[in-house]
Amino acid sequence: GDQLIVGTGQYGTSEIYRTTLDGVKSNVQPLDDQYFGEGITRAGEHVWQLTWKAGIAFKRDAETLDVVEEVSYAGQGWGLCAQDDGALIMSDGTSQVRHLDPVTFDESSRVTVTLDDEPVESINELECVDGMVYANLFTETDIIQFDPATGKVAAVIDASNLPNNAAADSNNVLNGIAHIPGTDRFYLAGKRWPDLYEVRFVDAG
């Protein structure tokens, strides 16, 4: 059946694992206590996983999720996605995103994401789809779609009508976006949300 690769955060309890849609976990790999797990993405035969403040990315075998290499980067690690050509896009909580090599994790360029020529701050979880990037804005209910080459926002998606059934906490916000391959649908989730929503983005016209 369909499987998702999931990365979780928090110091002392961060993990990466495979799961079926009904919650059967496998290949569970805990992170050491000093790491707060952040964005993950599949890049060919590997999965890259960011850490929040440690400046370390883990390159993992996509099947076993075992670590095959550790690399360092400057700044914080938030979101990560792989484009169709393999290049990685990374967010660090600012208005900038980085273009990274999927094999070495070396940074090739940065671009500022803008809406009406104004920088968009707190770019968080990323999902690359058909040459564009979908991103949520931390603590907001909007998802933006932008062109990673120019940084220009092409669409703003209002996800405020998704039920947030997590415990009341200012951090328990929308922050999971996963495109379902071969469809026009996405899975949306959030921090400590008990539910996963399957959605389609439609024009508000």
N, C-alpha and C. Protein backbone atom coordinates (compact mmCIF):
# COMPACT_ATOMS: atom_id res chain seq x y z
N GLY A 1 0.83 -1.22 0.00
CA GLY A 1 0.00 0.00 0.00
C GLY A 1 0.84 1.25 0.00
N ASP A 2 0.16 2.38 -0.07
CA ASP A 2 0.88 3.65 -0.07
C ASP A 2 1.56 3.87 1.27
N GLN A 3 2.78 4.40 1.21
CA GLN A 3 3.50 4.70 2.43
C GLN A 3 3.98 6.14 2.41
N LEU A 4 3.97 6.75 3.57
CA LEU A 4 4.53 8.08 3.75
C LEU A 4 5.82 7.94 4.54
N ILE A 5 6.77 8.84 4.28
CA ILE A 5 7.94 8.96 5.16
C ILE A 5 7.69 10.19 6.02
N VAL A 6 7.77 10.02 7.32
CA VAL A 6 7.40 11.08 8.26
C VAL A 6 8.61 11.45 9.11
N GLY A 7 8.81 12.76 9.29
CA GLY A 7 9.83 13.23 10.21
C GLY A 7 9.14 14.01 11.32
N THR A 8 9.58 13.79 12.57
CA THR A 8 8.98 14.50 13.69
C THR A 8 10.03 15.31 14.42
N GLY A 9 9.58 16.28 15.22
CA GLY A 9 10.47 17.18 15.92
C GLY A 9 10.48 16.96 17.42
N GLN A 10 10.93 17.99 18.12
CA GLN A 10 11.11 18.01 19.59
C GLN A 10 12.43 17.34 19.99
N TYR A 11 13.11 18.00 20.93
CA TYR A 11 14.34 17.41 21.47
C TYR A 11 14.00 16.16 22.27
N GLY A 12 14.75 15.09 22.05
CA GLY A 12 14.55 13.87 22.81
C GLY A 12 13.55 12.91 22.23
N THR A 13 12.68 13.38 21.31
CA THR A 13 11.68 12.48 20.73
C THR A 13 11.62 12.56 19.21
N SER A 14 12.58 13.22 18.57
CA SER A 14 12.56 13.33 17.10
C SER A 14 12.82 11.96 16.47
N GLU A 15 12.06 11.70 15.40
CA GLU A 15 12.19 10.42 14.68
C GLU A 15 12.00 10.66 13.19
N ILE A 16 12.39 9.65 12.43
CA ILE A 16 11.97 9.56 11.04
C ILE A 16 11.54 8.12 10.84
N TYR A 17 10.46 7.92 10.08
CA TYR A 17 9.95 6.56 9.91
C TYR A 17 9.05 6.49 8.68
N ARG A 18 8.77 5.27 8.27
CA ARG A 18 7.77 5.03 7.24
C ARG A 18 6.46 4.70 7.94
N THR A 19 5.34 5.04 7.29
CA THR A 19 4.06 4.65 7.85
C THR A 19 3.06 4.43 6.73
N THR A 20 2.15 3.49 6.96
CA THR A 20 1.01 3.36 6.07
C THR A 20 0.02 4.47 6.45
N LEU A 21 -0.96 4.71 5.59
CA LEU A 21 -1.92 5.78 5.88
C LEU A 21 -2.75 5.48 7.12
N ASP A 22 -2.85 4.20 7.49
CA ASP A 22 -3.60 3.91 8.72
C ASP A 22 -2.67 3.74 9.92
N GLY A 23 -1.43 4.21 9.80
CA GLY A 23 -0.60 4.39 10.99
C GLY A 23 0.30 3.24 11.39
N VAL A 24 0.56 2.29 10.48
CA VAL A 24 1.48 1.20 10.80
C VAL A 24 2.90 1.65 10.48
N LYS A 25 3.72 1.83 11.53
CA LYS A 25 5.07 2.37 11.37
C LYS A 25 6.09 1.27 11.07
N SER A 26 7.13 1.65 10.31
CA SER A 26 8.28 0.76 10.11
C SER A 26 9.52 1.62 9.91
N ASN A 27 10.69 0.97 9.96
CA ASN A 27 11.98 1.67 9.78
C ASN A 27 12.11 2.90 10.68
N VAL A 28 11.68 2.77 11.94
CA VAL A 28 11.73 3.92 12.84
C VAL A 28 13.19 4.20 13.24
N GLN A 29 13.64 5.43 12.98
CA GLN A 29 15.00 5.83 13.31
C GLN A 29 14.94 7.06 14.22
N PRO A 30 15.21 6.88 15.54
CA PRO A 30 15.22 8.04 16.42
C PRO A 30 16.47 8.90 16.21
N LEU A 31 16.35 10.20 16.46
CA LEU A 31 17.51 11.08 16.43
C LEU A 31 18.07 11.22 17.84
N ASP A 32 19.37 11.48 17.92
CA ASP A 32 19.97 11.74 19.23
C ASP A 32 19.29 12.95 19.88
N ASP A 33 19.35 12.97 21.21
CA ASP A 33 18.59 13.97 21.97
C ASP A 33 18.96 15.41 21.65
N GLN A 34 20.19 15.64 21.14
CA GLN A 34 20.57 17.04 20.88
C GLN A 34 19.99 17.58 19.57
N TYR A 35 19.28 16.72 18.82
CA TYR A 35 18.73 17.14 17.53
C TYR A 35 17.22 17.30 17.59
N PHE A 36 16.75 18.37 16.97
CA PHE A 36 15.32 18.65 16.80
C PHE A 36 15.05 18.45 15.31
N GLY A 37 14.37 17.36 14.96
CA GLY A 37 14.16 17.03 13.56
C GLY A 37 13.29 18.06 12.86
N GLU A 38 13.66 18.37 11.61
CA GLU A 38 12.87 19.32 10.81
C GLU A 38 12.56 18.70 9.45
N GLY A 39 12.49 19.53 8.41
CA GLY A 39 12.01 19.09 7.10
C GLY A 39 12.77 17.91 6.53
N ILE A 40 12.04 17.07 5.79
CA ILE A 40 12.64 15.93 5.09
C ILE A 40 12.17 15.94 3.65
N THR A 41 12.97 15.34 2.77
CA THR A 41 12.50 15.13 1.40
C THR A 41 13.22 13.94 0.79
N ARG A 42 12.53 13.28 -0.13
CA ARG A 42 13.11 12.19 -0.90
C ARG A 42 13.87 12.79 -2.08
N ALA A 43 15.12 12.37 -2.26
CA ALA A 43 15.92 12.82 -3.40
C ALA A 43 16.56 11.59 -4.01
N GLY A 44 15.89 11.01 -4.98
CA GLY A 44 16.41 9.80 -5.61
C GLY A 44 16.45 8.65 -4.62
N GLU A 45 17.66 8.08 -4.43
CA GLU A 45 17.82 6.93 -3.54
C GLU A 45 18.03 7.35 -2.08
N HIS A 46 17.93 8.64 -1.84
CA HIS A 46 18.20 9.12 -0.49
C HIS A 46 17.06 10.00 0.04
N VAL A 47 17.03 10.14 1.35
CA VAL A 47 16.15 11.09 2.02
C VAL A 47 17.05 12.04 2.80
N TRP A 48 16.84 13.34 2.62
CA TRP A 48 17.55 14.35 3.41
C TRP A 48 16.66 14.79 4.56
N GLN A 49 17.26 14.96 5.73
CA GLN A 49 16.52 15.41 6.91
C GLN A 49 17.28 16.57 7.55
N LEU A 50 16.57 17.68 7.78
CA LEU A 50 17.16 18.84 8.44
C LEU A 50 17.03 18.74 9.95
N THR A 51 17.87 19.51 10.65
CA THR A 51 17.67 19.74 12.08
C THR A 51 17.48 21.24 12.28
N TRP A 52 16.76 21.58 13.35
CA TRP A 52 16.34 22.97 13.53
C TRP A 52 17.50 23.92 13.78
N LYS A 53 18.26 23.69 14.85
CA LYS A 53 19.31 24.65 15.22
C LYS A 53 20.72 24.06 15.22
N ALA A 54 20.85 22.76 14.96
CA ALA A 54 22.16 22.11 15.06
C ALA A 54 23.03 22.33 13.83
N GLY A 55 22.43 22.78 12.72
CA GLY A 55 23.21 23.00 11.50
C GLY A 55 23.70 21.71 10.87
N ILE A 56 22.97 20.62 11.10
CA ILE A 56 23.34 19.31 10.56
C ILE A 56 22.18 18.77 9.72
N ALA A 57 22.52 18.28 8.52
CA ALA A 57 21.53 17.55 7.72
C ALA A 57 21.98 16.10 7.62
N PHE A 58 21.02 15.20 7.73
CA PHE A 58 21.30 13.77 7.61
C PHE A 58 20.89 13.30 6.22
N LYS A 59 21.81 12.64 5.54
CA LYS A 59 21.51 11.98 4.27
C LYS A 59 21.25 10.52 4.60
N ARG A 60 20.06 10.02 4.26
CA ARG A 60 19.66 8.68 4.66
C ARG A 60 19.35 7.81 3.44
N ASP A 61 19.53 6.52 3.60
CA ASP A 61 19.10 5.56 2.60
C ASP A 61 17.57 5.58 2.55
N ALA A 62 17.00 5.76 1.36
CA ALA A 62 15.55 5.94 1.26
C ALA A 62 14.77 4.70 1.65
N GLU A 63 15.40 3.53 1.58
CA GLU A 63 14.68 2.30 1.95
C GLU A 63 14.76 2.04 3.45
N THR A 64 15.97 2.04 4.00
CA THR A 64 16.15 1.67 5.41
C THR A 64 16.05 2.87 6.34
N LEU A 65 16.25 4.09 5.78
CA LEU A 65 16.32 5.35 6.52
C LEU A 65 17.56 5.43 7.41
N ASP A 66 18.53 4.51 7.19
CA ASP A 66 19.81 4.61 7.91
C ASP A 66 20.58 5.84 7.42
N VAL A 67 21.31 6.48 8.34
CA VAL A 67 22.14 7.62 7.96
C VAL A 67 23.36 7.15 7.17
N VAL A 68 23.58 7.75 6.00
CA VAL A 68 24.77 7.41 5.21
C VAL A 68 25.79 8.54 5.24
N GLU A 69 25.35 9.76 5.58
CA GLU A 69 26.28 10.88 5.64
C GLU A 69 25.65 11.99 6.47
N GLU A 70 26.50 12.80 7.11
CA GLU A 70 26.05 14.01 7.79
C GLU A 70 26.77 15.18 7.16
N VAL A 71 26.03 16.25 6.89
CA VAL A 71 26.65 17.47 6.37
C VAL A 71 26.21 18.65 7.22
N SER A 72 27.00 19.72 7.17
CA SER A 72 26.66 20.89 7.97
C SER A 72 26.25 22.04 7.06
N TYR A 73 25.43 22.94 7.61
CA TYR A 73 24.99 24.13 6.88
C TYR A 73 24.83 25.26 7.88
N ALA A 74 24.81 26.48 7.37
CA ALA A 74 24.67 27.65 8.24
C ALA A 74 23.19 27.96 8.47
N GLY A 75 22.90 28.55 9.63
CA GLY A 75 21.53 28.98 9.91
C GLY A 75 20.66 27.84 10.37
N GLN A 76 19.36 28.11 10.44
CA GLN A 76 18.40 27.11 10.91
C GLN A 76 17.88 26.26 9.76
N GLY A 77 17.37 25.08 10.11
CA GLY A 77 16.74 24.21 9.13
C GLY A 77 15.25 24.13 9.39
N TRP A 78 14.43 24.45 8.39
CA TRP A 78 12.97 24.40 8.55
C TRP A 78 12.38 23.42 7.55
N GLY A 79 12.16 23.86 6.31
CA GLY A 79 11.51 23.01 5.31
C GLY A 79 12.46 22.59 4.20
N LEU A 80 12.08 21.52 3.50
CA LEU A 80 12.94 20.98 2.44
C LEU A 80 12.08 20.26 1.43
N CYS A 81 12.35 20.48 0.13
CA CYS A 81 11.68 19.68 -0.90
C CYS A 81 12.59 19.53 -2.10
N ALA A 82 12.31 18.49 -2.90
CA ALA A 82 13.11 18.20 -4.09
C ALA A 82 12.30 18.51 -5.34
N GLN A 83 12.91 19.28 -6.25
CA GLN A 83 12.25 19.60 -7.51
C GLN A 83 12.36 18.43 -8.49
N ASP A 84 11.61 18.52 -9.59
CA ASP A 84 11.61 17.44 -10.58
C ASP A 84 13.01 17.16 -11.12
N ASP A 85 13.85 18.20 -11.23
CA ASP A 85 15.21 18.00 -11.74
C ASP A 85 16.18 17.54 -10.65
N GLY A 86 15.65 17.34 -9.43
CA GLY A 86 16.47 16.83 -8.35
C GLY A 86 16.98 17.88 -7.39
N ALA A 87 17.08 19.13 -7.86
CA ALA A 87 17.62 20.18 -7.00
C ALA A 87 16.73 20.37 -5.78
N LEU A 88 17.36 20.67 -4.64
CA LEU A 88 16.63 20.83 -3.39
C LEU A 88 16.34 22.31 -3.13
N ILE A 89 15.20 22.56 -2.50
CA ILE A 89 14.84 23.90 -2.02
C ILE A 89 14.70 23.78 -0.51
N MET A 90 15.33 24.71 0.21
CA MET A 90 15.34 24.66 1.67
C MET A 90 14.89 26.00 2.24
N SER A 91 14.11 25.95 3.32
CA SER A 91 13.73 27.17 4.03
C SER A 91 14.40 27.18 5.40
N ASP A 92 14.60 28.39 5.95
CA ASP A 92 15.29 28.52 7.23
C ASP A 92 14.55 29.44 8.19
N GLY A 93 13.24 29.67 7.92
CA GLY A 93 12.44 30.50 8.81
C GLY A 93 12.44 31.97 8.46
N THR A 94 13.23 32.33 7.45
CA THR A 94 13.27 33.72 7.00
C THR A 94 12.41 33.86 5.74
N SER A 95 12.61 34.94 5.00
CA SER A 95 11.92 35.13 3.72
C SER A 95 12.73 34.53 2.57
N GLN A 96 13.88 33.97 2.85
CA GLN A 96 14.72 33.41 1.79
C GLN A 96 14.59 31.89 1.71
N VAL A 97 14.74 31.37 0.50
CA VAL A 97 14.91 29.93 0.32
C VAL A 97 16.23 29.70 -0.39
N ARG A 98 16.81 28.53 -0.14
CA ARG A 98 18.10 28.17 -0.71
C ARG A 98 17.94 27.09 -1.76
N HIS A 99 18.75 27.15 -2.80
CA HIS A 99 18.84 26.08 -3.79
C HIS A 99 20.07 25.25 -3.45
N LEU A 100 19.88 23.94 -3.27
CA LEU A 100 20.95 23.06 -2.82
C LEU A 100 21.15 21.89 -3.78
N ASP A 101 22.39 21.41 -3.84
CA ASP A 101 22.71 20.23 -4.63
C ASP A 101 22.18 18.98 -3.89
N PRO A 102 21.44 18.09 -4.58
CA PRO A 102 20.81 16.96 -3.90
C PRO A 102 21.80 15.88 -3.46
N VAL A 103 23.02 15.90 -4.00
CA VAL A 103 24.02 14.90 -3.64
C VAL A 103 24.92 15.39 -2.52
N THR A 104 25.38 16.65 -2.63
CA THR A 104 26.35 17.18 -1.67
C THR A 104 25.73 18.10 -0.63
N PHE A 105 24.54 18.63 -0.90
CA PHE A 105 23.85 19.60 -0.06
C PHE A 105 24.50 20.98 -0.14
N ASP A 106 25.41 21.17 -1.09
CA ASP A 106 26.04 22.49 -1.24
C ASP A 106 25.03 23.50 -1.76
N GLU A 107 25.09 24.72 -1.21
CA GLU A 107 24.17 25.78 -1.62
C GLU A 107 24.67 26.44 -2.91
N SER A 108 23.77 26.57 -3.90
CA SER A 108 24.15 27.22 -5.16
C SER A 108 23.64 28.65 -5.23
N SER A 109 22.48 28.92 -4.63
CA SER A 109 21.93 30.27 -4.67
C SER A 109 20.84 30.41 -3.63
N ARG A 110 20.43 31.68 -3.41
CA ARG A 110 19.29 31.97 -2.54
C ARG A 110 18.37 32.93 -3.26
N VAL A 111 17.10 32.88 -2.92
CA VAL A 111 16.15 33.83 -3.50
C VAL A 111 15.20 34.26 -2.38
N THR A 112 14.79 35.51 -2.42
CA THR A 112 13.81 36.02 -1.46
C THR A 112 12.42 35.82 -2.03
N VAL A 113 11.54 35.23 -1.22
CA VAL A 113 10.16 35.01 -1.64
C VAL A 113 9.37 36.29 -1.40
N THR A 114 8.67 36.75 -2.45
CA THR A 114 7.95 38.02 -2.35
C THR A 114 6.51 37.89 -2.82
N LEU A 115 5.63 38.65 -2.15
CA LEU A 115 4.23 38.78 -2.55
C LEU A 115 4.00 40.27 -2.76
N ASP A 116 3.64 40.64 -3.99
CA ASP A 116 3.50 42.06 -4.34
C ASP A 116 4.77 42.84 -3.96
N ASP A 117 5.92 42.25 -4.27
CA ASP A 117 7.24 42.85 -4.04
C ASP A 117 7.63 43.01 -2.58
N GLU A 118 6.82 42.45 -1.66
CA GLU A 118 7.19 42.49 -0.25
C GLU A 118 7.68 41.10 0.18
N PRO A 119 8.78 41.03 0.95
CA PRO A 119 9.27 39.72 1.40
C PRO A 119 8.23 39.01 2.27
N VAL A 120 8.13 37.70 2.09
CA VAL A 120 7.22 36.87 2.88
C VAL A 120 8.05 36.17 3.95
N GLU A 121 7.77 36.44 5.22
CA GLU A 121 8.58 35.89 6.31
C GLU A 121 8.05 34.54 6.80
N SER A 122 8.87 33.87 7.60
CA SER A 122 8.50 32.64 8.33
C SER A 122 8.05 31.52 7.40
N ILE A 123 8.75 31.38 6.25
CA ILE A 123 8.46 30.27 5.35
C ILE A 123 8.91 28.98 6.02
N ASN A 124 8.00 27.99 6.06
CA ASN A 124 8.21 26.83 6.92
C ASN A 124 8.31 25.55 6.09
N GLU A 125 7.29 24.73 6.13
CA GLU A 125 7.28 23.45 5.42
C GLU A 125 7.17 23.69 3.92
N LEU A 126 7.93 22.95 3.13
CA LEU A 126 7.92 23.10 1.67
C LEU A 126 7.50 21.80 0.98
N GLU A 127 6.82 21.95 -0.15
CA GLU A 127 6.52 20.82 -1.02
C GLU A 127 6.69 21.27 -2.46
N CYS A 128 7.59 20.60 -3.20
CA CYS A 128 7.84 20.93 -4.60
C CYS A 128 6.88 20.14 -5.50
N VAL A 129 6.16 20.83 -6.37
CA VAL A 129 5.22 20.17 -7.29
C VAL A 129 5.25 20.88 -8.64
N ASP A 130 5.59 20.14 -9.68
CA ASP A 130 5.52 20.66 -11.06
C ASP A 130 6.21 22.02 -11.22
N GLY A 131 7.42 22.12 -10.69
CA GLY A 131 8.20 23.34 -10.89
C GLY A 131 7.89 24.47 -9.94
N MET A 132 6.84 24.32 -9.14
CA MET A 132 6.48 25.34 -8.16
C MET A 132 6.70 24.79 -6.76
N VAL A 133 6.70 25.69 -5.78
CA VAL A 133 6.85 25.26 -4.38
C VAL A 133 5.64 25.74 -3.59
N TYR A 134 5.06 24.82 -2.82
CA TYR A 134 4.01 25.17 -1.87
C TYR A 134 4.66 25.28 -0.49
N ALA A 135 4.30 26.31 0.25
CA ALA A 135 4.89 26.52 1.57
C ALA A 135 3.84 27.03 2.52
N ASN A 136 3.91 26.56 3.79
CA ASN A 136 3.05 27.20 4.78
C ASN A 136 3.87 28.27 5.49
N LEU A 137 3.19 29.23 6.06
CA LEU A 137 3.82 30.31 6.81
C LEU A 137 3.58 30.00 8.27
N PHE A 138 4.65 29.88 9.05
CA PHE A 138 4.53 29.39 10.42
C PHE A 138 3.56 30.25 11.23
N THR A 139 2.65 29.59 11.91
CA THR A 139 1.55 30.12 12.74
C THR A 139 0.43 30.78 11.93
N GLU A 140 0.54 30.77 10.60
CA GLU A 140 -0.55 31.30 9.76
C GLU A 140 -1.34 30.12 9.19
N THR A 141 -2.53 30.40 8.69
CA THR A 141 -3.31 29.33 8.04
C THR A 141 -3.25 29.43 6.53
N ASP A 142 -2.40 30.32 6.02
CA ASP A 142 -2.24 30.43 4.57
C ASP A 142 -1.10 29.53 4.08
N ILE A 143 -1.30 28.98 2.88
CA ILE A 143 -0.25 28.28 2.15
C ILE A 143 0.02 29.10 0.90
N ILE A 144 1.30 29.34 0.60
CA ILE A 144 1.63 30.08 -0.62
C ILE A 144 2.19 29.13 -1.67
N GLN A 145 1.99 29.51 -2.93
CA GLN A 145 2.61 28.81 -4.04
C GLN A 145 3.54 29.81 -4.70
N PHE A 146 4.85 29.45 -4.82
CA PHE A 146 5.78 30.40 -5.43
C PHE A 146 6.71 29.72 -6.42
N ASP A 147 7.29 30.55 -7.28
CA ASP A 147 8.25 30.09 -8.28
C ASP A 147 9.63 30.13 -7.62
N PRO A 148 10.29 28.97 -7.47
CA PRO A 148 11.57 28.97 -6.75
C PRO A 148 12.69 29.69 -7.50
N ALA A 149 12.53 29.91 -8.80
CA ALA A 149 13.56 30.61 -9.57
C ALA A 149 13.54 32.11 -9.29
N THR A 150 12.33 32.67 -9.17
CA THR A 150 12.19 34.12 -8.99
C THR A 150 11.80 34.50 -7.57
N GLY A 151 11.20 33.55 -6.84
CA GLY A 151 10.68 33.85 -5.50
C GLY A 151 9.30 34.47 -5.51
N LYS A 152 8.76 34.73 -6.69
CA LYS A 152 7.47 35.41 -6.75
C LYS A 152 6.31 34.48 -6.40
N VAL A 153 5.44 34.94 -5.48
CA VAL A 153 4.27 34.16 -5.09
C VAL A 153 3.22 34.24 -6.19
N ALA A 154 2.74 33.06 -6.62
CA ALA A 154 1.75 32.99 -7.69
C ALA A 154 0.33 32.83 -7.15
N ALA A 155 0.21 32.26 -5.94
CA ALA A 155 -1.12 32.02 -5.38
C ALA A 155 -1.01 31.95 -3.86
N VAL A 156 -2.09 32.35 -3.20
CA VAL A 156 -2.21 32.22 -1.75
C VAL A 156 -3.43 31.34 -1.48
N ILE A 157 -3.23 30.28 -0.71
CA ILE A 157 -4.29 29.30 -0.44
C ILE A 157 -4.72 29.47 1.02
N ASP A 158 -6.01 29.65 1.21
CA ASP A 158 -6.56 29.83 2.56
C ASP A 158 -6.93 28.47 3.12
N ALA A 159 -6.17 28.00 4.11
CA ALA A 159 -6.43 26.69 4.71
C ALA A 159 -7.07 26.83 6.09
N SER A 160 -7.66 27.99 6.35
CA SER A 160 -8.17 28.26 7.70
C SER A 160 -9.39 27.42 8.05
N ASN A 161 -10.04 26.81 7.04
CA ASN A 161 -11.22 26.02 7.35
C ASN A 161 -10.89 24.57 7.71
N LEU A 162 -9.60 24.20 7.71
CA LEU A 162 -9.25 22.85 8.16
C LEU A 162 -9.44 22.75 9.66
N PRO A 163 -10.14 21.74 10.15
CA PRO A 163 -10.30 21.61 11.60
C PRO A 163 -8.96 21.31 12.26
N ASN A 164 -8.62 22.08 13.28
CA ASN A 164 -7.41 21.83 14.04
C ASN A 164 -7.84 21.16 15.34
N ASN A 165 -7.71 19.84 15.39
CA ASN A 165 -8.16 19.09 16.56
C ASN A 165 -7.03 18.77 17.53
N ALA A 166 -5.92 19.48 17.38
CA ALA A 166 -4.82 19.30 18.33
C ALA A 166 -5.16 19.98 19.65
N ALA A 167 -4.39 19.63 20.68
CA ALA A 167 -4.55 20.31 21.97
C ALA A 167 -4.30 21.81 21.78
N ALA A 168 -4.98 22.63 22.57
CA ALA A 168 -4.82 24.08 22.44
C ALA A 168 -3.39 24.48 22.79
N ASP A 169 -2.66 24.99 21.80
CA ASP A 169 -1.27 25.40 21.99
C ASP A 169 -0.92 26.24 20.77
N SER A 170 -0.28 27.39 21.03
CA SER A 170 0.01 28.30 19.91
C SER A 170 0.93 27.66 18.87
N ASN A 171 1.65 26.60 19.25
CA ASN A 171 2.56 25.95 18.30
C ASN A 171 1.89 24.85 17.49
N ASN A 172 0.69 24.44 17.88
CA ASN A 172 0.05 23.30 17.21
C ASN A 172 -0.68 23.76 15.95
N VAL A 173 0.14 24.20 14.98
CA VAL A 173 -0.39 24.87 13.79
C VAL A 173 -0.20 24.01 12.55
N LEU A 174 -0.92 24.38 11.51
CA LEU A 174 -0.74 23.78 10.19
C LEU A 174 0.74 23.80 9.82
N ASN A 175 1.34 22.65 9.54
CA ASN A 175 2.71 22.70 9.02
C ASN A 175 3.12 21.44 8.29
N GLY A 176 2.15 20.73 7.74
CA GLY A 176 2.49 19.56 6.94
C GLY A 176 1.81 19.63 5.59
N ILE A 177 2.58 19.51 4.50
CA ILE A 177 2.02 19.54 3.15
C ILE A 177 2.69 18.42 2.36
N ALA A 178 1.89 17.52 1.81
CA ALA A 178 2.45 16.44 0.99
C ALA A 178 1.58 16.25 -0.25
N HIS A 179 2.18 16.40 -1.40
CA HIS A 179 1.46 16.16 -2.66
C HIS A 179 1.30 14.66 -2.87
N ILE A 180 0.13 14.26 -3.35
CA ILE A 180 -0.12 12.85 -3.66
C ILE A 180 0.24 12.64 -5.13
N PRO A 181 1.31 11.90 -5.41
CA PRO A 181 1.81 11.81 -6.79
C PRO A 181 0.75 11.36 -7.78
N GLY A 182 0.76 11.98 -8.96
CA GLY A 182 -0.16 11.59 -10.01
C GLY A 182 -1.57 12.11 -9.84
N THR A 183 -1.79 12.99 -8.83
CA THR A 183 -3.13 13.52 -8.59
C THR A 183 -3.04 15.03 -8.41
N ASP A 184 -4.21 15.67 -8.26
CA ASP A 184 -4.25 17.09 -7.93
C ASP A 184 -4.56 17.28 -6.45
N ARG A 185 -4.27 16.24 -5.63
CA ARG A 185 -4.62 16.29 -4.22
C ARG A 185 -3.39 16.35 -3.33
N PHE A 186 -3.60 16.84 -2.12
CA PHE A 186 -2.54 16.98 -1.14
C PHE A 186 -3.00 16.44 0.20
N TYR A 187 -2.05 15.98 1.00
CA TYR A 187 -2.32 15.72 2.41
C TYR A 187 -1.85 16.93 3.19
N LEU A 188 -2.70 17.42 4.10
CA LEU A 188 -2.32 18.51 4.99
C LEU A 188 -2.43 18.03 6.43
N ALA A 189 -1.47 18.46 7.25
CA ALA A 189 -1.48 18.10 8.66
C ALA A 189 -0.84 19.24 9.44
N GLY A 190 -0.67 19.04 10.74
CA GLY A 190 -0.08 20.08 11.56
C GLY A 190 0.62 19.51 12.76
N LYS A 191 1.21 20.40 13.54
CA LYS A 191 1.95 19.97 14.72
C LYS A 191 1.02 19.29 15.71
N ARG A 192 1.33 18.03 16.03
CA ARG A 192 0.58 17.23 16.99
C ARG A 192 -0.89 17.10 16.61
N TRP A 193 -1.18 17.29 15.31
CA TRP A 193 -2.56 17.08 14.87
C TRP A 193 -2.84 15.58 14.85
N PRO A 194 -4.00 15.16 15.37
CA PRO A 194 -4.34 13.74 15.32
C PRO A 194 -4.86 13.30 13.95
N ASP A 195 -5.13 14.27 13.09
CA ASP A 195 -5.78 13.95 11.81
C ASP A 195 -4.90 14.34 10.63
N LEU A 196 -5.14 13.65 9.52
CA LEU A 196 -4.50 13.96 8.25
C LEU A 196 -5.63 14.25 7.27
N TYR A 197 -5.55 15.37 6.57
CA TYR A 197 -6.62 15.76 5.65
C TYR A 197 -6.16 15.62 4.21
N GLU A 198 -7.03 15.05 3.39
CA GLU A 198 -6.77 14.98 1.95
C GLU A 198 -7.59 16.07 1.28
N VAL A 199 -6.89 16.96 0.58
CA VAL A 199 -7.56 18.15 0.03
C VAL A 199 -7.20 18.36 -1.43
N ARG A 200 -7.99 19.20 -2.07
CA ARG A 200 -7.71 19.68 -3.41
C ARG A 200 -7.75 21.20 -3.33
N PHE A 201 -6.80 21.87 -3.96
CA PHE A 201 -6.79 23.34 -3.95
C PHE A 201 -7.62 23.84 -5.13
N VAL A 202 -8.60 24.70 -4.87
CA VAL A 202 -9.47 25.19 -5.93
C VAL A 202 -9.48 26.70 -5.93
N ASP A 203 -9.79 27.28 -7.10
CA ASP A 203 -9.89 28.73 -7.20
C ASP A 203 -11.03 29.24 -6.36
N ALA A 204 -10.80 30.39 -5.75
CA ALA A 204 -11.82 30.96 -4.87
C ALA A 204 -12.84 31.81 -5.64
N GLY A 205 -12.74 31.79 -6.99
CA GLY A 205 -13.52 32.69 -7.82
C GLY A 205 -15.02 32.52 -7.72
